[in-house]
Amino acid sequence: MREKIKFILSFLIILLFLPYICVVLFHNNVQAENVFFSIGNSTVEENNMDSELFVAGVLASQMPVSYEKEALKAQAVIARTQIYRMMEDKGIKDLEAEDLPQYMSISEMEKVWGYSKMQDYYSKLKEAVTETQGIIMKYKGKCIEPSFHAVSNGNSRSGNEVYHSEDYPYLTKVDNPYDILSEDYLKVIMISKEELAEKMNQEFGSNLLAESILNQINVKSKDGAGYVTNVQIGECTMAGEEFRKILDLNSSCFIIEESEGKIRITTKGLGHGIGLSQFNANEMAKNGDDYQKILNYYFKNIELVNE
């Protein structure tokens, strides 16, 4: 049943670890391991290539490796759940490689961390994946939407409210008291009235005037966590997340005001604010919470299932 996903994962793992094999040839102090993984109905021996190690590459692209081990383990379960949810949603027959989460290759890791640190960092990622091997999150027998973000505005958002659906009862509003300590909690940008008017006019084909631009942008609604859900620009209305993307804001929790002849936009948090806050989860780990407690804090009434 899962042969196609095994094939896809195996192919991606080859891409992920090909640079590693080259590194082994040129650096004798990097030790290779012999493990097996299957492609279709055949078994192939490769260096350091187990399907779980693909999760390590995904984990490297999703969370800072400097974070606590239990936080990394929670994120590893999230990454694995993403893969299994895609299998459920699209069906194994129609699942393609590009449907899977973004991952970081060995060469990219070495470029970001440097060779001297790569070995230790990668070992840390492998441990987080190995110690949660096969574990995914389910709600009523189905894989959940394992949403996560870097830093919240102090609250994670309700999934049912954000997605306008009753399908996300496990994504509830959650307090993130530690997020205020993050360097990314608060950000202020200044933009000229002319630039803001130009961006809006390009997006909507409107003729908003720079001198009165602030009067033509109105926040119409916010959700229970304080994130903007609808913004009116002239006669048009857009979602808060769309407005955020147009202006490249850190989050859709923002305040717009005039300051010294310019427009000042203050944001709280980094990311969409749904699900697990990585910064707060890391602080929880520092305080002794294990990955199961962290995941159950953010995703209500779920089951941690070993697949």
C-alpha atoms as a PDB file:
ATOM      1  CA  MET A   1       0.000   0.000   0.000  1.00  0.00           C
ATOM      2  CA  ARG A   2       2.805   2.369   0.829  1.00  0.00           C
ATOM      3  CA  GLU A   3       5.242   1.257  -1.863  1.00  0.00           C
ATOM      4  CA  LYS A   4       4.936   4.469  -3.878  1.00  0.00           C
ATOM      5  CA  ILE A   5       5.662   6.705  -0.912  1.00  0.00           C
ATOM      6  CA  LYS A   6       8.623   4.490  -0.066  1.00  0.00           C
ATOM      7  CA  PHE A   7       9.885   4.948  -3.600  1.00  0.00           C
ATOM      8  CA  ILE A   8       9.415   8.721  -3.446  1.00  0.00           C
ATOM      9  CA  LEU A   9      11.107   8.968  -0.054  1.00  0.00           C
ATOM     10  CA  SER A  10      13.949   6.748  -1.218  1.00  0.00           C
ATOM     11  CA  PHE A  11      14.510   8.906  -4.301  1.00  0.00           C
ATOM     12  CA  LEU A  12      14.546  12.075  -2.207  1.00  0.00           C
ATOM     13  CA  ILE A  13      16.878  10.469   0.304  1.00  0.00           C
ATOM     14  CA  ILE A  14      19.319   9.696  -2.513  1.00  0.00           C
ATOM     15  CA  LEU A  15      19.264  13.391  -3.456  1.00  0.00           C
ATOM     16  CA  LEU A  16      19.592  14.344   0.181  1.00  0.00           C
ATOM     17  CA  PHE A  17      22.556  12.130   0.934  1.00  0.00           C
ATOM     18  CA  LEU A  18      24.460  12.104  -2.364  1.00  0.00           C
ATOM     19  CA  PRO A  19      26.554  15.105  -1.238  1.00  0.00           C
ATOM     20  CA  TYR A  20      27.182  13.253   2.045  1.00  0.00           C
ATOM     21  CA  ILE A  21      28.674  10.317   0.169  1.00  0.00           C
ATOM     22  CA  CYS A  22      30.980  12.760  -1.612  1.00  0.00           C
ATOM     23  CA  VAL A  23      31.937  14.269   1.733  1.00  0.00           C
ATOM     24  CA  VAL A  24      32.800  10.779   3.024  1.00  0.00           C
ATOM     25  CA  LEU A  25      35.189  10.298   0.116  1.00  0.00           C
ATOM     26  CA  PHE A  26      37.059  13.489   0.946  1.00  0.00           C
ATOM     27  CA  HIS A  27      36.819  13.554   4.757  1.00  0.00           C
ATOM     28  CA  ASN A  28      37.996  10.396   6.479  1.00  0.00           C
ATOM     29  CA  ASN A  29      36.667  11.454   9.882  1.00  0.00           C
ATOM     30  CA  VAL A  30      33.052  11.198   8.718  1.00  0.00           C
ATOM     31  CA  GLN A  31      31.870   7.668   9.385  1.00  0.00           C
ATOM     32  CA  ALA A  32      29.330   6.043   7.081  1.00  0.00           C
ATOM     33  CA  GLU A  33      26.702   3.595   8.267  1.00  0.00           C
ATOM     34  CA  ASN A  34      25.249   0.711   6.304  1.00  0.00           C
ATOM     35  CA  VAL A  35      21.460   0.568   6.470  1.00  0.00           C
ATOM     36  CA  PHE A  36      18.766  -0.730   4.148  1.00  0.00           C
ATOM     37  CA  PHE A  37      15.731   0.865   2.598  1.00  0.00           C
ATOM     38  CA  SER A  38      13.333  -0.426  -0.021  1.00  0.00           C
ATOM     39  CA  ILE A  39      12.580   0.902  -3.490  1.00  0.00           C
ATOM     40  CA  GLY A  40       9.451  -0.682  -4.843  1.00  0.00           C
ATOM     41  CA  ASN A  41       9.770  -4.402  -4.181  1.00  0.00           C
ATOM     42  CA  SER A  42      13.562  -4.461  -4.070  1.00  0.00           C
ATOM     43  CA  THR A  43      15.968  -3.742  -1.244  1.00  0.00           C
ATOM     44  CA  VAL A  44      18.992  -1.529  -1.869  1.00  0.00           C
ATOM     45  CA  GLU A  45      22.010  -0.993   0.371  1.00  0.00           C
ATOM     46  CA  GLU A  46      23.234   2.614   0.555  1.00  0.00           C
ATOM     47  CA  ASN A  47      25.299   4.774   2.885  1.00  0.00           C
ATOM     48  CA  ASN A  48      23.306   6.422   5.676  1.00  0.00           C
ATOM     49  CA  MET A  49      20.013   6.096   3.814  1.00  0.00           C
ATOM     50  CA  ASP A  50      16.999   5.126   5.875  1.00  0.00           C
ATOM     51  CA  SER A  51      13.540   6.527   5.093  1.00  0.00           C
ATOM     52  CA  GLU A  52      13.377   8.035   8.604  1.00  0.00           C
ATOM     53  CA  LEU A  53      16.456  10.081   7.766  1.00  0.00           C
ATOM     54  CA  PHE A  54      14.399  11.984   5.221  1.00  0.00           C
ATOM     55  CA  VAL A  55      12.488  13.316   8.222  1.00  0.00           C
ATOM     56  CA  ALA A  56      15.821  14.593   9.585  1.00  0.00           C
ATOM     57  CA  GLY A  57      16.314  16.634   6.427  1.00  0.00           C
ATOM     58  CA  VAL A  58      12.791  18.036   6.771  1.00  0.00           C
ATOM     59  CA  LEU A  59      13.406  18.796  10.441  1.00  0.00           C
ATOM     60  CA  ALA A  60      16.594  20.694   9.551  1.00  0.00           C
ATOM     61  CA  SER A  61      14.593  22.980   7.265  1.00  0.00           C
ATOM     62  CA  GLN A  62      11.803  23.592   9.790  1.00  0.00           C
ATOM     63  CA  MET A  63      13.385  24.315  13.181  1.00  0.00           C
ATOM     64  CA  PRO A  64      16.691  25.807  14.403  1.00  0.00           C
ATOM     65  CA  VAL A  65      19.001  22.942  15.344  1.00  0.00           C
ATOM     66  CA  SER A  66      20.090  24.968  18.379  1.00  0.00           C
ATOM     67  CA  TYR A  67      16.698  24.295  19.956  1.00  0.00           C
ATOM     68  CA  GLU A  68      16.257  21.842  22.819  1.00  0.00           C
ATOM     69  CA  LYS A  69      16.122  18.157  21.988  1.00  0.00           C
ATOM     70  CA  GLU A  70      12.535  17.691  23.179  1.00  0.00           C
ATOM     71  CA  ALA A  71      11.405  20.611  21.009  1.00  0.00           C
ATOM     72  CA  LEU A  72      13.191  19.038  18.029  1.00  0.00           C
ATOM     73  CA  LYS A  73      11.491  15.726  18.785  1.00  0.00           C
ATOM     74  CA  ALA A  74       8.089  17.447  18.793  1.00  0.00           C
ATOM     75  CA  GLN A  75       8.913  19.011  15.424  1.00  0.00           C
ATOM     76  CA  ALA A  76      10.087  15.645  14.074  1.00  0.00           C
ATOM     77  CA  VAL A  77       6.652  14.194  14.868  1.00  0.00           C
ATOM     78  CA  ILE A  78       5.066  17.180  13.123  1.00  0.00           C
ATOM     79  CA  ALA A  79       7.220  16.636  10.016  1.00  0.00           C
ATOM     80  CA  ARG A  80       6.396  12.933   9.898  1.00  0.00           C
ATOM     81  CA  THR A  81       2.690  13.648  10.392  1.00  0.00           C
ATOM     82  CA  GLN A  82       2.804  16.077   7.458  1.00  0.00           C
ATOM     83  CA  ILE A  83       4.039  13.277   5.213  1.00  0.00           C
ATOM     84  CA  TYR A  84       1.399  10.799   6.365  1.00  0.00           C
ATOM     85  CA  ARG A  85      -1.383  13.381   6.088  1.00  0.00           C
ATOM     86  CA  MET A  86      -0.378  14.030   2.477  1.00  0.00           C
ATOM     87  CA  MET A  87      -0.594  10.307   1.872  1.00  0.00           C
ATOM     88  CA  GLU A  88      -4.122  10.298   3.280  1.00  0.00           C
ATOM     89  CA  ASP A  89      -5.285  13.453   1.493  1.00  0.00           C
ATOM     90  CA  LYS A  90      -3.950  12.760  -1.994  1.00  0.00           C
ATOM     91  CA  GLY A  91      -3.798   9.008  -1.924  1.00  0.00           C
ATOM     92  CA  ILE A  92      -0.582   7.123  -2.375  1.00  0.00           C
ATOM     93  CA  LYS A  93      -1.295   6.586  -6.064  1.00  0.00           C
ATOM     94  CA  ASP A  94      -1.398  10.333  -6.799  1.00  0.00           C
ATOM     95  CA  LEU A  95       1.255  11.503  -4.340  1.00  0.00           C
ATOM     96  CA  GLU A  96       4.258  13.098  -6.003  1.00  0.00           C
ATOM     97  CA  ALA A  97       7.675  14.080  -4.680  1.00  0.00           C
ATOM     98  CA  GLU A  98       6.822  17.799  -4.801  1.00  0.00           C
ATOM     99  CA  ASP A  99       3.896  17.199  -2.451  1.00  0.00           C
ATOM    100  CA  LEU A 100       6.263  16.304   0.381  1.00  0.00           C
ATOM    101  CA  PRO A 101       7.659  18.889   2.828  1.00  0.00           C
ATOM    102  CA  GLN A 102      10.737  20.904   1.997  1.00  0.00           C
ATOM    103  CA  TYR A 103      13.974  19.387   3.258  1.00  0.00           C
ATOM    104  CA  MET A 104      17.601  20.449   3.665  1.00  0.00           C
ATOM    105  CA  SER A 105      20.253  18.417   1.879  1.00  0.00           C
ATOM    106  CA  ILE A 106      23.612  17.535   3.401  1.00  0.00           C
ATOM    107  CA  SER A 107      25.391  20.057   1.166  1.00  0.00           C
ATOM    108  CA  GLU A 108      22.959  22.755   2.281  1.00  0.00           C
ATOM    109  CA  MET A 109      23.541  21.828   5.908  1.00  0.00           C
ATOM    110  CA  GLU A 110      27.287  22.101   5.437  1.00  0.00           C
ATOM    111  CA  LYS A 111      26.870  25.465   3.717  1.00  0.00           C
ATOM    112  CA  VAL A 112      24.682  26.836   6.533  1.00  0.00           C
ATOM    113  CA  TRP A 113      26.499  25.319   9.527  1.00  0.00           C
ATOM    114  CA  GLY A 114      29.998  24.740   8.212  1.00  0.00           C
ATOM    115  CA  TYR A 115      31.637  21.332   8.040  1.00  0.00           C
ATOM    116  CA  SER A 116      33.046  21.473  11.571  1.00  0.00           C
ATOM    117  CA  LYS A 117      29.577  21.859  13.106  1.00  0.00           C
ATOM    118  CA  MET A 118      27.592  19.812  10.614  1.00  0.00           C
ATOM    119  CA  GLN A 119      28.449  16.440  12.099  1.00  0.00           C
ATOM    120  CA  ASP A 120      27.317  17.393  15.620  1.00  0.00           C
ATOM    121  CA  TYR A 121      24.200  19.181  14.418  1.00  0.00           C
ATOM    122  CA  TYR A 122      23.187  16.377  12.126  1.00  0.00           C
ATOM    123  CA  SER A 123      23.690  13.821  14.912  1.00  0.00           C
ATOM    124  CA  LYS A 124      21.338  15.897  17.054  1.00  0.00           C
ATOM    125  CA  LEU A 125      18.703  15.844  14.308  1.00  0.00           C
ATOM    126  CA  LYS A 126      19.097  12.091  13.834  1.00  0.00           C
ATOM    127  CA  GLU A 127      18.614  11.503  17.558  1.00  0.00           C
ATOM    128  CA  ALA A 128      15.406  13.539  17.572  1.00  0.00           C
ATOM    129  CA  VAL A 129      14.074  11.494  14.661  1.00  0.00           C
ATOM    130  CA  THR A 130      15.260   8.117  15.958  1.00  0.00           C
ATOM    131  CA  GLU A 131      13.800   8.670  19.420  1.00  0.00           C
ATOM    132  CA  THR A 132      10.391   9.409  17.880  1.00  0.00           C
ATOM    133  CA  GLN A 133      10.675   6.807  15.114  1.00  0.00           C
ATOM    134  CA  GLY A 134       7.370   6.125  13.376  1.00  0.00           C
ATOM    135  CA  ILE A 135       5.298   8.345  15.677  1.00  0.00           C
ATOM    136  CA  ILE A 136       2.597  10.531  14.122  1.00  0.00           C
ATOM    137  CA  MET A 137      -0.416  12.476  15.429  1.00  0.00           C
ATOM    138  CA  LYS A 138      -3.985  11.382  14.772  1.00  0.00           C
ATOM    139  CA  TYR A 139      -7.437  12.623  15.716  1.00  0.00           C
ATOM    140  CA  LYS A 140     -10.271  10.115  15.518  1.00  0.00           C
ATOM    141  CA  GLY A 141      -8.131   7.788  13.441  1.00  0.00           C
ATOM    142  CA  LYS A 142      -6.928  10.366  10.889  1.00  0.00           C
ATOM    143  CA  CYS A 143      -3.708  12.329  10.613  1.00  0.00           C
ATOM    144  CA  ILE A 144      -4.125  15.867  11.859  1.00  0.00           C
ATOM    145  CA  GLU A 145      -3.122  19.123  10.187  1.00  0.00           C
ATOM    146  CA  PRO A 146       0.137  19.613  12.161  1.00  0.00           C
ATOM    147  CA  SER A 147       0.390  23.392  11.842  1.00  0.00           C
ATOM    148  CA  PHE A 148       3.312  25.264  13.359  1.00  0.00           C
ATOM    149  CA  HIS A 149       4.877  28.717  13.309  1.00  0.00           C
ATOM    150  CA  ALA A 150       8.007  30.409  14.641  1.00  0.00           C
ATOM    151  CA  VAL A 151       6.563  32.824  17.217  1.00  0.00           C
ATOM    152  CA  SER A 152       2.993  33.765  18.129  1.00  0.00           C
ATOM    153  CA  ASN A 153       1.582  37.072  19.317  1.00  0.00           C
ATOM    154  CA  GLY A 154       1.137  35.382  22.684  1.00  0.00           C
ATOM    155  CA  ASN A 155      -1.657  33.068  21.538  1.00  0.00           C
ATOM    156  CA  SER A 156      -1.957  30.253  19.031  1.00  0.00           C
ATOM    157  CA  ARG A 157      -5.084  30.593  16.911  1.00  0.00           C
ATOM    158  CA  SER A 158      -8.210  28.449  16.653  1.00  0.00           C
ATOM    159  CA  GLY A 159      -8.091  26.247  13.547  1.00  0.00           C
ATOM    160  CA  ASN A 160     -11.877  26.180  13.187  1.00  0.00           C
ATOM    161  CA  GLU A 161     -11.962  29.971  13.306  1.00  0.00           C
ATOM    162  CA  VAL A 162      -9.092  30.517  10.870  1.00  0.00           C
ATOM    163  CA  TYR A 163     -10.168  27.887   8.336  1.00  0.00           C
ATOM    164  CA  HIS A 164     -13.925  28.558   8.747  1.00  0.00           C
ATOM    165  CA  SER A 165     -14.483  24.842   9.302  1.00  0.00           C
ATOM    166  CA  GLU A 166     -15.358  22.467  12.102  1.00  0.00           C
ATOM    167  CA  ASP A 167     -12.697  20.014  10.936  1.00  0.00           C
ATOM    168  CA  TYR A 168      -9.945  21.300  13.234  1.00  0.00           C
ATOM    169  CA  PRO A 169     -11.178  20.861  16.820  1.00  0.00           C
ATOM    170  CA  TYR A 170      -7.663  19.871  17.909  1.00  0.00           C
ATOM    171  CA  LEU A 171      -6.308  23.322  16.902  1.00  0.00           C
ATOM    172  CA  THR A 172      -7.557  25.559  19.699  1.00  0.00           C
ATOM    173  CA  LYS A 173      -6.520  28.926  21.061  1.00  0.00           C
ATOM    174  CA  VAL A 174      -3.472  28.299  23.265  1.00  0.00           C
ATOM    175  CA  ASP A 175      -1.500  30.684  25.479  1.00  0.00           C
ATOM    176  CA  ASN A 176       2.187  31.121  24.605  1.00  0.00           C
ATOM    177  CA  PRO A 177       3.555  33.096  27.560  1.00  0.00           C
ATOM    178  CA  TYR A 178       7.215  32.746  26.592  1.00  0.00           C
ATOM    179  CA  ASP A 179       6.875  34.177  23.073  1.00  0.00           C
ATOM    180  CA  ILE A 180       7.166  37.731  24.387  1.00  0.00           C
ATOM    181  CA  LEU A 181      10.838  36.920  25.087  1.00  0.00           C
ATOM    182  CA  SER A 182      11.600  36.237  21.427  1.00  0.00           C
ATOM    183  CA  GLU A 183      13.518  38.757  19.332  1.00  0.00           C
ATOM    184  CA  ASP A 184      10.862  38.190  16.672  1.00  0.00           C
ATOM    185  CA  TYR A 185       7.917  38.914  18.960  1.00  0.00           C
ATOM    186  CA  LEU A 186       7.677  42.589  17.981  1.00  0.00           C
ATOM    187  CA  LYS A 187       8.699  44.267  14.731  1.00  0.00           C
ATOM    188  CA  VAL A 188       8.108  47.803  13.489  1.00  0.00           C
ATOM    189  CA  ILE A 189       8.471  48.809   9.855  1.00  0.00           C
ATOM    190  CA  MET A 190       8.152  52.268   8.337  1.00  0.00           C
ATOM    191  CA  ILE A 191       6.840  52.719   4.828  1.00  0.00           C
ATOM    192  CA  SER A 192       6.148  55.897   2.879  1.00  0.00           C
ATOM    193  CA  LYS A 193       2.569  56.718   1.988  1.00  0.00           C
ATOM    194  CA  GLU A 194       3.561  56.741  -1.676  1.00  0.00           C
ATOM    195  CA  GLU A 195       5.069  53.263  -1.534  1.00  0.00           C
ATOM    196  CA  LEU A 196       2.088  51.841   0.330  1.00  0.00           C
ATOM    197  CA  ALA A 197      -0.374  53.398  -2.122  1.00  0.00           C
ATOM    198  CA  GLU A 198       1.663  52.048  -5.056  1.00  0.00           C
ATOM    199  CA  LYS A 199       1.677  48.514  -3.645  1.00  0.00           C
ATOM    200  CA  MET A 200      -2.077  48.560  -3.082  1.00  0.00           C
ATOM    201  CA  ASN A 201      -2.803  50.042  -6.497  1.00  0.00           C
ATOM    202  CA  GLN A 202      -0.622  47.446  -8.216  1.00  0.00           C
ATOM    203  CA  GLU A 203      -2.435  44.668  -6.383  1.00  0.00           C
ATOM    204  CA  PHE A 204      -5.975  45.906  -6.981  1.00  0.00           C
ATOM    205  CA  GLY A 205      -5.703  48.122 -10.036  1.00  0.00           C
ATOM    206  CA  SER A 206      -7.145  50.929  -7.908  1.00  0.00           C
ATOM    207  CA  ASN A 207      -6.300  54.608  -7.643  1.00  0.00           C
ATOM    208  CA  LEU A 208      -5.703  55.115  -3.945  1.00  0.00           C
ATOM    209  CA  LEU A 209      -4.167  58.470  -3.107  1.00  0.00           C
ATOM    210  CA  ALA A 210      -0.949  58.583  -1.113  1.00  0.00           C
ATOM    211  CA  GLU A 211      -1.980  61.565   0.993  1.00  0.00           C
ATOM    212  CA  SER A 212      -5.115  59.804   2.258  1.00  0.00           C
ATOM    213  CA  ILE A 213      -3.918  56.188   2.145  1.00  0.00           C
ATOM    214  CA  LEU A 214      -4.318  55.593   5.876  1.00  0.00           C
ATOM    215  CA  ASN A 215      -7.998  56.548   5.709  1.00  0.00           C
ATOM    216  CA  GLN A 216      -8.496  54.047   2.885  1.00  0.00           C
ATOM    217  CA  ILE A 217      -7.116  51.044   4.776  1.00  0.00           C
ATOM    218  CA  ASN A 218      -9.320  49.738   7.578  1.00  0.00           C
ATOM    219  CA  VAL A 219      -9.034  46.607   9.687  1.00  0.00           C
ATOM    220  CA  LYS A 220     -12.549  45.120   9.542  1.00  0.00           C
ATOM    221  CA  SER A 221     -12.197  42.068  11.791  1.00  0.00           C
ATOM    222  CA  LYS A 222      -9.847  40.081  14.021  1.00  0.00           C
ATOM    223  CA  ASP A 223     -10.057  36.546  15.356  1.00  0.00           C
ATOM    224  CA  GLY A 224     -10.143  35.527  18.995  1.00  0.00           C
ATOM    225  CA  ALA A 225      -6.345  35.461  19.208  1.00  0.00           C
ATOM    226  CA  GLY A 226      -6.000  39.033  17.924  1.00  0.00           C
ATOM    227  CA  TYR A 227      -4.898  38.323  14.347  1.00  0.00           C
ATOM    228  CA  VAL A 228      -6.411  40.417  11.558  1.00  0.00           C
ATOM    229  CA  THR A 229      -8.804  38.359   9.450  1.00  0.00           C
ATOM    230  CA  ASN A 230     -10.162  41.007   7.043  1.00  0.00           C
ATOM    231  CA  VAL A 231      -8.833  44.321   5.774  1.00  0.00           C
ATOM    232  CA  GLN A 232     -10.709  46.802   3.614  1.00  0.00           C
ATOM    233  CA  ILE A 233      -8.586  48.683   1.067  1.00  0.00           C
ATOM    234  CA  GLY A 234     -10.680  51.278  -0.717  1.00  0.00           C
ATOM    235  CA  GLU A 235     -13.694  49.316  -1.899  1.00  0.00           C
ATOM    236  CA  CYS A 236     -11.942  45.948  -1.819  1.00  0.00           C
ATOM    237  CA  THR A 237     -11.651  43.484   1.070  1.00  0.00           C
ATOM    238  CA  MET A 238      -8.856  40.950   1.556  1.00  0.00           C
ATOM    239  CA  ALA A 239      -7.829  38.403   4.171  1.00  0.00           C
ATOM    240  CA  GLY A 240      -5.339  39.484   6.797  1.00  0.00           C
ATOM    241  CA  GLU A 241      -2.869  36.810   5.678  1.00  0.00           C
ATOM    242  CA  GLU A 242      -3.060  38.063   2.097  1.00  0.00           C
ATOM    243  CA  PHE A 243      -2.392  41.635   3.235  1.00  0.00           C
ATOM    244  CA  ARG A 244       0.534  40.344   5.257  1.00  0.00           C
ATOM    245  CA  LYS A 245       2.061  38.616   2.226  1.00  0.00           C
ATOM    246  CA  ILE A 246       1.708  41.667  -0.008  1.00  0.00           C
ATOM    247  CA  LEU A 247       3.656  43.817   2.460  1.00  0.00           C
ATOM    248  CA  ASP A 248       5.936  40.979   3.617  1.00  0.00           C
ATOM    249  CA  LEU A 249       4.878  41.445   7.242  1.00  0.00           C
ATOM    250  CA  ASN A 250       6.016  39.076   9.995  1.00  0.00           C
ATOM    251  CA  SER A 251       2.432  38.232  10.897  1.00  0.00           C
ATOM    252  CA  SER A 252      -1.181  39.231  10.386  1.00  0.00           C
ATOM    253  CA  CYS A 253      -1.353  40.533  13.942  1.00  0.00           C
ATOM    254  CA  PHE A 254      -0.627  44.160  13.136  1.00  0.00           C
ATOM    255  CA  ILE A 255      -1.461  47.798  13.848  1.00  0.00           C
ATOM    256  CA  ILE A 256      -1.257  50.491  11.162  1.00  0.00           C
ATOM    257  CA  GLU A 257      -0.808  54.138  12.114  1.00  0.00           C
ATOM    258  CA  GLU A 258       0.756  57.356  10.898  1.00  0.00           C
ATOM    259  CA  SER A 259       4.068  58.479  12.338  1.00  0.00           C
ATOM    260  CA  GLU A 260       6.229  61.410  11.261  1.00  0.00           C
ATOM    261  CA  GLY A 261       4.573  61.606   7.861  1.00  0.00           C
ATOM    262  CA  LYS A 262       4.998  57.898   7.147  1.00  0.00           C
ATOM    263  CA  ILE A 263       3.012  54.740   7.805  1.00  0.00           C
ATOM    264  CA  ARG A 264       4.171  52.668  10.751  1.00  0.00           C
ATOM    265  CA  ILE A 265       3.144  49.015  10.862  1.00  0.00           C
ATOM    266  CA  THR A 266       3.745  47.115  14.103  1.00  0.00           C
ATOM    267  CA  THR A 267       3.480  43.332  14.047  1.00  0.00           C
ATOM    268  CA  LYS A 268       3.470  40.757  16.818  1.00  0.00           C
ATOM    269  CA  GLY A 269       4.766  37.256  16.189  1.00  0.00           C
ATOM    270  CA  LEU A 270       6.378  35.549  13.218  1.00  0.00           C
ATOM    271  CA  GLY A 271       4.235  33.278  11.065  1.00  0.00           C
ATOM    272  CA  HIS A 272       0.542  32.511  10.712  1.00  0.00           C
ATOM    273  CA  GLY A 273       0.039  31.802  14.418  1.00  0.00           C
ATOM    274  CA  ILE A 274      -1.720  28.437  14.014  1.00  0.00           C
ATOM    275  CA  GLY A 275      -0.701  25.346  15.956  1.00  0.00           C
ATOM    276  CA  LEU A 276       2.637  24.894  17.691  1.00  0.00           C
ATOM    277  CA  SER A 277       4.730  27.965  18.474  1.00  0.00           C
ATOM    278  CA  GLN A 278       8.305  26.806  18.069  1.00  0.00           C
ATOM    279  CA  PHE A 279       9.793  29.428  20.370  1.00  0.00           C
ATOM    280  CA  ASN A 280       7.335  28.732  23.175  1.00  0.00           C
ATOM    281  CA  ALA A 281       7.758  24.967  22.670  1.00  0.00           C
ATOM    282  CA  ASN A 282      11.513  25.377  23.039  1.00  0.00           C
ATOM    283  CA  GLU A 283      11.057  27.274  26.298  1.00  0.00           C
ATOM    284  CA  MET A 284       8.732  24.514  27.513  1.00  0.00           C
ATOM    285  CA  ALA A 285      11.477  22.003  26.720  1.00  0.00           C
ATOM    286  CA  LYS A 286      13.983  24.093  28.675  1.00  0.00           C
ATOM    287  CA  ASN A 287      11.641  23.864  31.638  1.00  0.00           C
ATOM    288  CA  GLY A 288      11.611  20.069  31.477  1.00  0.00           C
ATOM    289  CA  ASP A 289       8.543  19.279  29.333  1.00  0.00           C
ATOM    290  CA  ASP A 290       8.998  16.301  27.019  1.00  0.00           C
ATOM    291  CA  TYR A 291       7.852  16.188  23.420  1.00  0.00           C
ATOM    292  CA  GLN A 292       4.618  14.333  24.228  1.00  0.00           C
ATOM    293  CA  LYS A 293       3.572  17.032  26.698  1.00  0.00           C
ATOM    294  CA  ILE A 294       4.477  19.756  24.212  1.00  0.00           C
ATOM    295  CA  LEU A 295       2.446  18.174  21.411  1.00  0.00           C
ATOM    296  CA  ASN A 296      -0.557  17.511  23.637  1.00  0.00           C
ATOM    297  CA  TYR A 297      -0.448  21.111  24.815  1.00  0.00           C
ATOM    298  CA  TYR A 298      -0.829  22.408  21.256  1.00  0.00           C
ATOM    299  CA  PHE A 299      -2.908  19.680  19.649  1.00  0.00           C
ATOM    300  CA  LYS A 300      -5.893  18.783  21.826  1.00  0.00           C
ATOM    301  CA  ASN A 301      -7.310  15.265  22.237  1.00  0.00           C
ATOM    302  CA  ILE A 302      -4.892  13.719  19.746  1.00  0.00           C
ATOM    303  CA  GLU A 303      -3.324  10.281  19.780  1.00  0.00           C
ATOM    304  CA  LEU A 304       0.402   9.699  19.324  1.00  0.00           C
ATOM    305  CA  VAL A 305       0.421   6.593  17.142  1.00  0.00           C
ATOM    306  CA  ASN A 306       3.407   4.526  16.074  1.00  0.00           C
ATOM    307  CA  GLU A 307       3.114   3.714  12.370  1.00  0.00           C
END
